Amino acid sequence: MKKLALVLGGGGAKSFAHLGVIKVLQENNIPIDLLVTCSGGSIIGALIASGANIEEIKKEFYKKTRRINWFTLKLSRKGLLSQKNIQSILKHLGADIDIRDTKIPIRIMSTNLNLGELKIFKSGSLKKAVCASVAFPGIYKPVKIGDYLFVDGGVLNSIPADIGSREIGRGNVTVTINLDYILNGEINESHVFQIIHRSIYIPMISQRKEIVKKNSDIILEPFKDKNFGFKSSADILRFYSVKKMETFYQLGVEEAEEKINRIKLLLKD
C-alpha cells in the first residue's frame, strides 16, 4: 500500500474537524504515515502523533476549566492571551516529548519572525514547536527558540500541502484538510469592517487554495457549505463551546465518510 501524508490546515477551534477525519481513517484501518500541520492543526496533529486517542482529546478540551482557561489574559505588550492552556493539554496528553519520538512522524510549520521565512520543525521540543505554530501575532506572544522568534505558521503557509507532498515522496498520497469557508457574493457595502476583513483574507485564501490544488491527491473541505464572513470567522475562537467543537468534529466525520472510498482507491498499489 502507498504511504499517506495527512495535511492539517490551520483553523483554531475548527481544527476539531481534523479529529473527525482522523476518526474515519482509523475506523477504516488506514494508517497515517506522516502528519504535516500548521496553527490549530498542529495542536491536534501533535496529540495524535504522540498516541493520544480521539475520545480522550475531546474529553480534555470539553472540560469546563479548559474552556475557561483559553481566555486567560496575559498582561503583556507582546500578546493578549497566555499559552498555558495549550502547554498543559499537550503535557497532560503525552505530547511533551521530542518531535523525533512521536509515534507518527510529524512536521510542524511556523514562521521565523527574524528571517521572514517558513520553519519546518522536524526535531526538538514538540510542545514548543506547537506553541510557535499557533502563536497568532497580537493574540499570543512570539515563541523564542534558540536565537529566533517564531509566530503562527499561517502567516506564510497555513495549509502546507506542498510540504506534505514533498516529504511523503513521489508515488505516495497526500490528503489535505482545508478548513476555509467558501466566499459567497454577499457583501454589505456600508459595513466598512466587513470590507476590510474580506480584502485582507481574499489574497490569503487564494494563495493557499493554489498550494492545496497543486499538491494534493485528495482535498477534504468540511466547511465547503459554510459561508465566509466577519461573524463566521469568530469560529476559530470557539474552544469555549462544546456544542461548536462537536459540530466541527461531526463535519470532519461527514466529509471523510463522503470521500473515504476515493482515499482507499488511491492508496492501492
C-alpha atoms as a PDB file:
ATOM      1  CA  MET A   1       0.000   0.000   0.000  1.00  0.00           C
ATOM      2  CA  LYS A   2       1.153   3.531  -0.732  1.00  0.00           C
ATOM      3  CA  LYS A   3       2.040   5.855   2.123  1.00  0.00           C
ATOM      4  CA  LEU A   4      -0.325   8.591   3.243  1.00  0.00           C
ATOM      5  CA  ALA A   5       0.564  12.124   4.316  1.00  0.00           C
ATOM      6  CA  LEU A   6      -2.246  13.939   6.103  1.00  0.00           C
ATOM      7  CA  VAL A   7      -2.049  17.735   5.996  1.00  0.00           C
ATOM      8  CA  LEU A   8      -3.890  19.530   8.798  1.00  0.00           C
ATOM      9  CA  GLY A   9      -4.519  23.158   7.904  1.00  0.00           C
ATOM     10  CA  GLY A  10      -4.952  25.956  10.406  1.00  0.00           C
ATOM     11  CA  GLY A  11      -8.335  26.958  11.765  1.00  0.00           C
ATOM     12  CA  GLY A  12      -8.352  27.373  15.535  1.00  0.00           C
ATOM     13  CA  ALA A  13     -11.297  25.554  17.102  1.00  0.00           C
ATOM     14  CA  LYS A  14     -12.418  24.467  13.629  1.00  0.00           C
ATOM     15  CA  SER A  15      -9.456  22.078  13.825  1.00  0.00           C
ATOM     16  CA  PHE A  16     -11.792  19.676  15.619  1.00  0.00           C
ATOM     17  CA  ALA A  17     -12.857  18.738  12.083  1.00  0.00           C
ATOM     18  CA  HIS A  18      -9.386  17.180  11.753  1.00  0.00           C
ATOM     19  CA  LEU A  19     -10.270  14.820  14.583  1.00  0.00           C
ATOM     20  CA  GLY A  20     -13.426  13.766  12.743  1.00  0.00           C
ATOM     21  CA  VAL A  21     -11.426  12.947   9.617  1.00  0.00           C
ATOM     22  CA  ILE A  22      -8.836  11.001  11.605  1.00  0.00           C
ATOM     23  CA  LYS A  23     -11.622   9.052  13.326  1.00  0.00           C
ATOM     24  CA  VAL A  24     -12.917   7.835   9.953  1.00  0.00           C
ATOM     25  CA  LEU A  25      -9.404   6.894   8.781  1.00  0.00           C
ATOM     26  CA  GLN A  26      -8.888   4.879  11.953  1.00  0.00           C
ATOM     27  CA  GLU A  27     -12.258   3.132  11.593  1.00  0.00           C
ATOM     28  CA  ASN A  28     -11.247   2.108   8.088  1.00  0.00           C
ATOM     29  CA  ASN A  29      -7.811   0.875   9.225  1.00  0.00           C
ATOM     30  CA  ILE A  30      -5.990   3.439   7.111  1.00  0.00           C
ATOM     31  CA  PRO A  31      -2.646   4.277   8.718  1.00  0.00           C
ATOM     32  CA  ILE A  32      -1.260   7.808   8.679  1.00  0.00           C
ATOM     33  CA  ASP A  33       2.403   7.691   7.723  1.00  0.00           C
ATOM     34  CA  LEU A  34       3.086  11.408   8.106  1.00  0.00           C
ATOM     35  CA  LEU A  35       1.344  14.393   9.657  1.00  0.00           C
ATOM     36  CA  VAL A  36       2.072  17.872   8.304  1.00  0.00           C
ATOM     37  CA  THR A  37       0.489  20.600  10.393  1.00  0.00           C
ATOM     38  CA  CYS A  38       0.059  24.302  10.893  1.00  0.00           C
ATOM     39  CA  SER A  39      -1.501  26.530  13.559  1.00  0.00           C
ATOM     40  CA  GLY A  40      -4.582  24.917  15.171  1.00  0.00           C
ATOM     41  CA  GLY A  41      -3.918  21.772  13.157  1.00  0.00           C
ATOM     42  CA  SER A  42      -0.590  21.476  14.970  1.00  0.00           C
ATOM     43  CA  ILE A  43      -2.332  21.022  18.334  1.00  0.00           C
ATOM     44  CA  ILE A  44      -4.475  18.179  17.008  1.00  0.00           C
ATOM     45  CA  GLY A  45      -1.607  16.705  14.996  1.00  0.00           C
ATOM     46  CA  ALA A  46       0.821  16.711  17.913  1.00  0.00           C
ATOM     47  CA  LEU A  47      -1.670  14.913  20.158  1.00  0.00           C
ATOM     48  CA  ILE A  48      -2.470  12.268  17.555  1.00  0.00           C
ATOM     49  CA  ALA A  49       1.208  11.837  16.658  1.00  0.00           C
ATOM     50  CA  SER A  50       2.015  11.276  20.328  1.00  0.00           C
ATOM     51  CA  GLY A  51      -0.529   8.493  20.643  1.00  0.00           C
ATOM     52  CA  ALA A  52      -3.451  10.211  22.381  1.00  0.00           C
ATOM     53  CA  ASN A  53      -6.806   8.738  21.378  1.00  0.00           C
ATOM     54  CA  ILE A  54      -9.616  10.844  19.981  1.00  0.00           C
ATOM     55  CA  GLU A  55     -12.057  10.403  22.846  1.00  0.00           C
ATOM     56  CA  GLU A  56      -9.546  11.472  25.490  1.00  0.00           C
ATOM     57  CA  ILE A  57      -8.614  14.515  23.375  1.00  0.00           C
ATOM     58  CA  LYS A  58     -12.256  15.535  23.135  1.00  0.00           C
ATOM     59  CA  LYS A  59     -12.808  14.933  26.839  1.00  0.00           C
ATOM     60  CA  GLU A  60      -9.815  17.125  27.724  1.00  0.00           C
ATOM     61  CA  PHE A  61     -10.955  20.018  25.534  1.00  0.00           C
ATOM     62  CA  TYR A  62     -14.561  19.749  26.681  1.00  0.00           C
ATOM     63  CA  LYS A  63     -13.742  20.200  30.357  1.00  0.00           C
ATOM     64  CA  LYS A  64     -15.235  23.403  31.730  1.00  0.00           C
ATOM     65  CA  THR A  65     -11.948  24.519  33.299  1.00  0.00           C
ATOM     66  CA  ARG A  66     -10.149  24.034  29.984  1.00  0.00           C
ATOM     67  CA  ARG A  67     -12.729  26.104  28.144  1.00  0.00           C
ATOM     68  CA  ILE A  68     -12.452  28.946  30.632  1.00  0.00           C
ATOM     69  CA  ASN A  69      -8.650  28.883  30.552  1.00  0.00           C
ATOM     70  CA  TRP A  70      -8.477  29.614  26.828  1.00  0.00           C
ATOM     71  CA  PHE A  71      -9.192  33.231  27.607  1.00  0.00           C
ATOM     72  CA  THR A  72      -6.732  33.785  30.432  1.00  0.00           C
ATOM     73  CA  LEU A  73      -5.391  37.281  29.804  1.00  0.00           C
ATOM     74  CA  LYS A  74      -1.660  37.897  29.750  1.00  0.00           C
ATOM     75  CA  LEU A  75      -0.816  41.477  30.654  1.00  0.00           C
ATOM     76  CA  SER A  76       1.930  41.974  28.092  1.00  0.00           C
ATOM     77  CA  ARG A  77       2.525  44.186  25.070  1.00  0.00           C
ATOM     78  CA  LYS A  78       3.716  41.057  23.238  1.00  0.00           C
ATOM     79  CA  GLY A  79       0.337  39.291  23.262  1.00  0.00           C
ATOM     80  CA  LEU A  80      -3.124  39.309  24.805  1.00  0.00           C
ATOM     81  CA  LEU A  81      -3.563  35.676  25.838  1.00  0.00           C
ATOM     82  CA  SER A  82      -1.482  33.073  27.626  1.00  0.00           C
ATOM     83  CA  GLN A  83      -0.458  29.748  26.043  1.00  0.00           C
ATOM     84  CA  LYS A  84      -0.522  27.929  29.379  1.00  0.00           C
ATOM     85  CA  ASN A  85      -3.683  26.062  28.426  1.00  0.00           C
ATOM     86  CA  ILE A  86      -2.110  24.733  25.225  1.00  0.00           C
ATOM     87  CA  GLN A  87       1.029  23.703  27.087  1.00  0.00           C
ATOM     88  CA  SER A  88      -0.991  21.992  29.818  1.00  0.00           C
ATOM     89  CA  ILE A  89      -3.095  19.977  27.356  1.00  0.00           C
ATOM     90  CA  LEU A  90      -0.022  18.843  25.435  1.00  0.00           C
ATOM     91  CA  LYS A  91       1.735  17.786  28.625  1.00  0.00           C
ATOM     92  CA  HIS A  92      -1.332  16.072  30.108  1.00  0.00           C
ATOM     93  CA  LEU A  93      -1.909  14.002  26.954  1.00  0.00           C
ATOM     94  CA  GLY A  94       1.717  12.927  26.484  1.00  0.00           C
ATOM     95  CA  ALA A  95       2.873  15.407  23.832  1.00  0.00           C
ATOM     96  CA  ASP A  96       5.686  16.950  25.890  1.00  0.00           C
ATOM     97  CA  ILE A  97       8.346  14.983  24.025  1.00  0.00           C
ATOM     98  CA  ASP A  98      10.902  15.403  21.263  1.00  0.00           C
ATOM     99  CA  ILE A  99       9.400  15.553  17.769  1.00  0.00           C
ATOM    100  CA  ARG A 100      11.627  12.642  16.728  1.00  0.00           C
ATOM    101  CA  ASP A 101       9.987  10.431  19.374  1.00  0.00           C
ATOM    102  CA  THR A 102       6.381  10.699  18.176  1.00  0.00           C
ATOM    103  CA  LYS A 103       4.586   7.508  17.163  1.00  0.00           C
ATOM    104  CA  ILE A 104       3.613   9.076  13.846  1.00  0.00           C
ATOM    105  CA  PRO A 105       6.225  11.274  12.119  1.00  0.00           C
ATOM    106  CA  ILE A 106       5.172  14.920  12.140  1.00  0.00           C
ATOM    107  CA  ARG A 107       6.260  18.181  10.505  1.00  0.00           C
ATOM    108  CA  ILE A 108       5.146  21.418  12.172  1.00  0.00           C
ATOM    109  CA  MET A 109       5.035  24.776  10.390  1.00  0.00           C
ATOM    110  CA  SER A 110       5.913  28.096  11.997  1.00  0.00           C
ATOM    111  CA  THR A 111       7.093  31.494  10.750  1.00  0.00           C
ATOM    112  CA  ASN A 112      10.580  32.700  11.660  1.00  0.00           C
ATOM    113  CA  LEU A 113       9.920  36.331  12.510  1.00  0.00           C
ATOM    114  CA  ASN A 114      13.605  37.287  12.356  1.00  0.00           C
ATOM    115  CA  LEU A 115      14.355  35.822   8.939  1.00  0.00           C
ATOM    116  CA  GLY A 116      10.887  36.139   7.419  1.00  0.00           C
ATOM    117  CA  GLU A 117      10.760  32.513   6.294  1.00  0.00           C
ATOM    118  CA  LEU A 118       8.871  29.315   6.944  1.00  0.00           C
ATOM    119  CA  LYS A 119      10.321  26.981   9.552  1.00  0.00           C
ATOM    120  CA  ILE A 120       9.580  23.258   9.383  1.00  0.00           C
ATOM    121  CA  PHE A 121      10.129  21.701  12.802  1.00  0.00           C
ATOM    122  CA  LYS A 122      11.324  18.087  12.498  1.00  0.00           C
ATOM    123  CA  SER A 123      13.132  17.791  15.831  1.00  0.00           C
ATOM    124  CA  GLY A 124      13.297  19.482  19.208  1.00  0.00           C
ATOM    125  CA  SER A 125      10.545  20.073  21.734  1.00  0.00           C
ATOM    126  CA  LEU A 126       7.146  19.111  20.324  1.00  0.00           C
ATOM    127  CA  LYS A 127       5.415  21.366  22.829  1.00  0.00           C
ATOM    128  CA  LYS A 128       7.498  24.408  21.880  1.00  0.00           C
ATOM    129  CA  ALA A 129       7.050  23.779  18.171  1.00  0.00           C
ATOM    130  CA  VAL A 130       3.273  23.622  18.579  1.00  0.00           C
ATOM    131  CA  CYS A 131       3.240  26.819  20.641  1.00  0.00           C
ATOM    132  CA  ALA A 132       5.299  28.511  17.917  1.00  0.00           C
ATOM    133  CA  SER A 133       2.978  27.205  15.204  1.00  0.00           C
ATOM    134  CA  VAL A 134      -0.152  28.644  16.883  1.00  0.00           C
ATOM    135  CA  ALA A 135       1.332  31.952  18.091  1.00  0.00           C
ATOM    136  CA  PHE A 136      -1.018  34.205  16.142  1.00  0.00           C
ATOM    137  CA  PRO A 137       0.524  37.711  16.122  1.00  0.00           C
ATOM    138  CA  GLY A 138      -1.062  40.041  18.630  1.00  0.00           C
ATOM    139  CA  ILE A 139      -3.031  37.248  20.315  1.00  0.00           C
ATOM    140  CA  TYR A 140      -0.092  35.200  21.613  1.00  0.00           C
ATOM    141  CA  LYS A 141       3.424  36.476  22.110  1.00  0.00           C
ATOM    142  CA  PRO A 142       6.120  35.120  19.777  1.00  0.00           C
ATOM    143  CA  VAL A 143       7.837  31.941  20.950  1.00  0.00           C
ATOM    144  CA  LYS A 144      11.602  32.121  21.299  1.00  0.00           C
ATOM    145  CA  ILE A 145      13.503  29.032  20.205  1.00  0.00           C
ATOM    146  CA  GLY A 146      17.266  29.373  20.065  1.00  0.00           C
ATOM    147  CA  ASP A 147      18.134  32.829  18.739  1.00  0.00           C
ATOM    148  CA  TYR A 148      14.886  33.338  16.844  1.00  0.00           C
ATOM    149  CA  LEU A 149      11.298  34.395  17.463  1.00  0.00           C
ATOM    150  CA  PHE A 150       8.511  32.345  15.898  1.00  0.00           C
ATOM    151  CA  VAL A 151       4.856  33.091  15.187  1.00  0.00           C
ATOM    152  CA  ASP A 152       1.914  31.315  13.583  1.00  0.00           C
ATOM    153  CA  GLY A 153       2.886  29.292  10.519  1.00  0.00           C
ATOM    154  CA  GLY A 154      -0.265  30.549   8.823  1.00  0.00           C
ATOM    155  CA  VAL A 155       1.432  33.887   8.228  1.00  0.00           C
ATOM    156  CA  LEU A 156       3.232  32.164   5.327  1.00  0.00           C
ATOM    157  CA  ASN A 157       1.542  28.800   4.701  1.00  0.00           C
ATOM    158  CA  SER A 158      -1.491  27.758   6.719  1.00  0.00           C
ATOM    159  CA  ILE A 159      -2.289  24.638   4.650  1.00  0.00           C
ATOM    160  CA  PRO A 160       1.147  23.187   3.812  1.00  0.00           C
ATOM    161  CA  ALA A 161       0.139  20.622   1.197  1.00  0.00           C
ATOM    162  CA  ASP A 162       3.356  21.348  -0.707  1.00  0.00           C
ATOM    163  CA  ILE A 163       5.414  20.290   2.311  1.00  0.00           C
ATOM    164  CA  GLY A 164       3.282  17.178   2.771  1.00  0.00           C
ATOM    165  CA  SER A 165       3.666  16.133  -0.872  1.00  0.00           C
ATOM    166  CA  ARG A 166       7.404  16.717  -0.825  1.00  0.00           C
ATOM    167  CA  GLU A 167       8.019  14.944   2.489  1.00  0.00           C
ATOM    168  CA  ILE A 168       5.956  11.836   1.738  1.00  0.00           C
ATOM    169  CA  GLY A 169       7.623  11.442  -1.665  1.00  0.00           C
ATOM    170  CA  ARG A 170       6.579  10.768  -5.227  1.00  0.00           C
ATOM    171  CA  GLY A 171       4.203   7.890  -5.797  1.00  0.00           C
ATOM    172  CA  ASN A 172       2.505   8.253  -2.426  1.00  0.00           C
ATOM    173  CA  VAL A 173      -0.707  10.033  -1.411  1.00  0.00           C
ATOM    174  CA  THR A 174      -1.259  13.478   0.094  1.00  0.00           C
ATOM    175  CA  VAL A 175      -4.644  14.105   1.700  1.00  0.00           C
ATOM    176  CA  THR A 176      -5.199  17.729   2.667  1.00  0.00           C
ATOM    177  CA  ILE A 177      -7.822  19.090   5.046  1.00  0.00           C
ATOM    178  CA  ASN A 178      -8.786  22.658   4.181  1.00  0.00           C
ATOM    179  CA  LEU A 179     -10.845  24.375   6.883  1.00  0.00           C
ATOM    180  CA  ASP A 180     -11.663  27.507   4.884  1.00  0.00           C
ATOM    181  CA  TYR A 181     -15.225  28.703   4.437  1.00  0.00           C
ATOM    182  CA  ILE A 182     -16.411  29.489   0.919  1.00  0.00           C
ATOM    183  CA  LEU A 183     -16.600  33.043  -0.387  1.00  0.00           C
ATOM    184  CA  ASN A 184     -20.161  33.908  -1.351  1.00  0.00           C
ATOM    185  CA  GLY A 185     -21.254  37.001  -3.234  1.00  0.00           C
ATOM    186  CA  GLU A 186     -22.959  38.756  -0.347  1.00  0.00           C
ATOM    187  CA  ILE A 187     -21.258  41.944   0.850  1.00  0.00           C
ATOM    188  CA  ASN A 188     -22.721  44.792   2.879  1.00  0.00           C
ATOM    189  CA  GLU A 189     -21.154  47.751   1.095  1.00  0.00           C
ATOM    190  CA  SER A 190     -21.846  50.040   4.063  1.00  0.00           C
ATOM    191  CA  HIS A 191     -20.076  47.724   6.537  1.00  0.00           C
ATOM    192  CA  VAL A 192     -16.501  49.025   6.483  1.00  0.00           C
ATOM    193  CA  PHE A 193     -15.081  46.329   8.787  1.00  0.00           C
ATOM    194  CA  GLN A 194     -16.579  43.583   6.624  1.00  0.00           C
ATOM    195  CA  ILE A 195     -14.956  45.119   3.541  1.00  0.00           C
ATOM    196  CA  ILE A 196     -11.562  45.406   5.248  1.00  0.00           C
ATOM    197  CA  HIS A 197     -11.816  41.884   6.659  1.00  0.00           C
ATOM    198  CA  ARG A 198     -12.705  40.406   3.285  1.00  0.00           C
ATOM    199  CA  SER A 199      -9.985  42.352   1.473  1.00  0.00           C
ATOM    200  CA  ILE A 200      -7.323  41.017   3.851  1.00  0.00           C
ATOM    201  CA  TYR A 201      -8.419  37.407   3.579  1.00  0.00           C
ATOM    202  CA  ILE A 202      -9.096  37.134  -0.169  1.00  0.00           C
ATOM    203  CA  PRO A 203      -5.383  37.013  -1.168  1.00  0.00           C
ATOM    204  CA  MET A 204      -4.600  34.636   1.712  1.00  0.00           C
ATOM    205  CA  ILE A 205      -7.387  32.238   0.730  1.00  0.00           C
ATOM    206  CA  SER A 206      -6.441  32.460  -2.946  1.00  0.00           C
ATOM    207  CA  GLN A 207      -2.767  31.681  -2.237  1.00  0.00           C
ATOM    208  CA  ARG A 208      -3.400  28.647  -0.069  1.00  0.00           C
ATOM    209  CA  LYS A 209      -6.081  27.319  -2.428  1.00  0.00           C
ATOM    210  CA  GLU A 210      -3.475  27.293  -5.210  1.00  0.00           C
ATOM    211  CA  ILE A 211      -0.930  25.482  -2.987  1.00  0.00           C
ATOM    212  CA  VAL A 212      -3.522  22.897  -1.957  1.00  0.00           C
ATOM    213  CA  LYS A 213      -4.778  22.297  -5.503  1.00  0.00           C
ATOM    214  CA  LYS A 214      -1.299  21.744  -6.946  1.00  0.00           C
ATOM    215  CA  ASN A 215      -0.025  19.426  -4.208  1.00  0.00           C
ATOM    216  CA  SER A 216      -2.949  17.299  -3.013  1.00  0.00           C
ATOM    217  CA  ASP A 217      -4.280  13.994  -4.279  1.00  0.00           C
ATOM    218  CA  ILE A 218      -7.493  14.468  -2.317  1.00  0.00           C
ATOM    219  CA  ILE A 219      -8.797  17.637  -0.682  1.00  0.00           C
ATOM    220  CA  LEU A 220     -11.214  17.396   2.229  1.00  0.00           C
ATOM    221  CA  GLU A 221     -13.306  20.516   2.846  1.00  0.00           C
ATOM    222  CA  PRO A 222     -15.530  20.076   5.910  1.00  0.00           C
ATOM    223  CA  PHE A 223     -16.722  23.693   5.671  1.00  0.00           C
ATOM    224  CA  LYS A 224     -17.403  23.762   1.923  1.00  0.00           C
ATOM    225  CA  ASP A 225     -21.089  24.517   2.542  1.00  0.00           C
ATOM    226  CA  LYS A 226     -20.425  27.301   5.071  1.00  0.00           C
ATOM    227  CA  ASN A 227     -20.147  30.922   4.044  1.00  0.00           C
ATOM    228  CA  PHE A 228     -17.111  33.052   4.845  1.00  0.00           C
ATOM    229  CA  GLY A 229     -17.918  36.236   6.732  1.00  0.00           C
ATOM    230  CA  PHE A 230     -16.979  38.590   9.524  1.00  0.00           C
ATOM    231  CA  LYS A 231     -19.172  36.692  12.004  1.00  0.00           C
ATOM    232  CA  SER A 232     -18.210  33.158  10.951  1.00  0.00           C
ATOM    233  CA  SER A 233     -14.512  33.998  11.309  1.00  0.00           C
ATOM    234  CA  ALA A 234     -15.046  34.032  15.066  1.00  0.00           C
ATOM    235  CA  ASP A 235     -15.443  30.236  14.885  1.00  0.00           C
ATOM    236  CA  ILE A 236     -11.671  29.885  15.229  1.00  0.00           C
ATOM    237  CA  LEU A 237     -12.114  31.010  18.852  1.00  0.00           C
ATOM    238  CA  ARG A 238     -14.935  28.620  19.775  1.00  0.00           C
ATOM    239  CA  PHE A 239     -12.826  26.454  22.083  1.00  0.00           C
ATOM    240  CA  TYR A 240     -15.172  27.617  24.855  1.00  0.00           C
ATOM    241  CA  SER A 241     -18.197  25.927  23.233  1.00  0.00           C
ATOM    242  CA  VAL A 242     -18.625  22.142  23.438  1.00  0.00           C
ATOM    243  CA  LYS A 243     -21.534  22.395  21.013  1.00  0.00           C
ATOM    244  CA  LYS A 244     -19.412  24.159  18.394  1.00  0.00           C
ATOM    245  CA  MET A 245     -16.410  21.848  18.779  1.00  0.00           C
ATOM    246  CA  GLU A 246     -18.667  18.809  18.447  1.00  0.00           C
ATOM    247  CA  THR A 247     -20.284  20.333  15.357  1.00  0.00           C
ATOM    248  CA  PHE A 248     -16.873  20.868  13.770  1.00  0.00           C
ATOM    249  CA  TYR A 249     -15.898  17.292  14.668  1.00  0.00           C
ATOM    250  CA  GLN A 250     -19.030  15.894  13.003  1.00  0.00           C
ATOM    251  CA  LEU A 251     -18.405  17.954   9.861  1.00  0.00           C
ATOM    252  CA  GLY A 252     -14.990  16.302   9.642  1.00  0.00           C
ATOM    253  CA  VAL A 253     -16.560  12.853  10.037  1.00  0.00           C
ATOM    254  CA  GLU A 254     -19.123  13.542   7.314  1.00  0.00           C
ATOM    255  CA  GLU A 255     -16.570  14.891   4.836  1.00  0.00           C
ATOM    256  CA  ALA A 256     -14.223  11.944   5.384  1.00  0.00           C
ATOM    257  CA  GLU A 257     -17.006   9.378   5.050  1.00  0.00           C
ATOM    258  CA  GLU A 258     -18.031  11.006   1.789  1.00  0.00           C
ATOM    259  CA  LYS A 259     -14.528  10.602   0.317  1.00  0.00           C
ATOM    260  CA  ILE A 260     -13.191   7.523   2.112  1.00  0.00           C
ATOM    261  CA  ASN A 261     -13.631   5.223  -0.897  1.00  0.00           C
ATOM    262  CA  ARG A 262     -11.609   7.603  -3.075  1.00  0.00           C
ATOM    263  CA  ILE A 263      -8.846   7.604  -0.454  1.00  0.00           C
ATOM    264  CA  LYS A 264      -8.830   3.785  -0.367  1.00  0.00           C
ATOM    265  CA  LEU A 265      -8.644   3.605  -4.154  1.00  0.00           C
ATOM    266  CA  LEU A 266      -5.673   5.982  -4.304  1.00  0.00           C
ATOM    267  CA  LEU A 267      -3.774   4.065  -1.635  1.00  0.00           C
ATOM    268  CA  LYS A 268      -3.889   0.768  -3.525  1.00  0.00           C
ATOM    269  CA  ASP A 269      -0.621  -0.350  -5.100  1.00  0.00           C
END
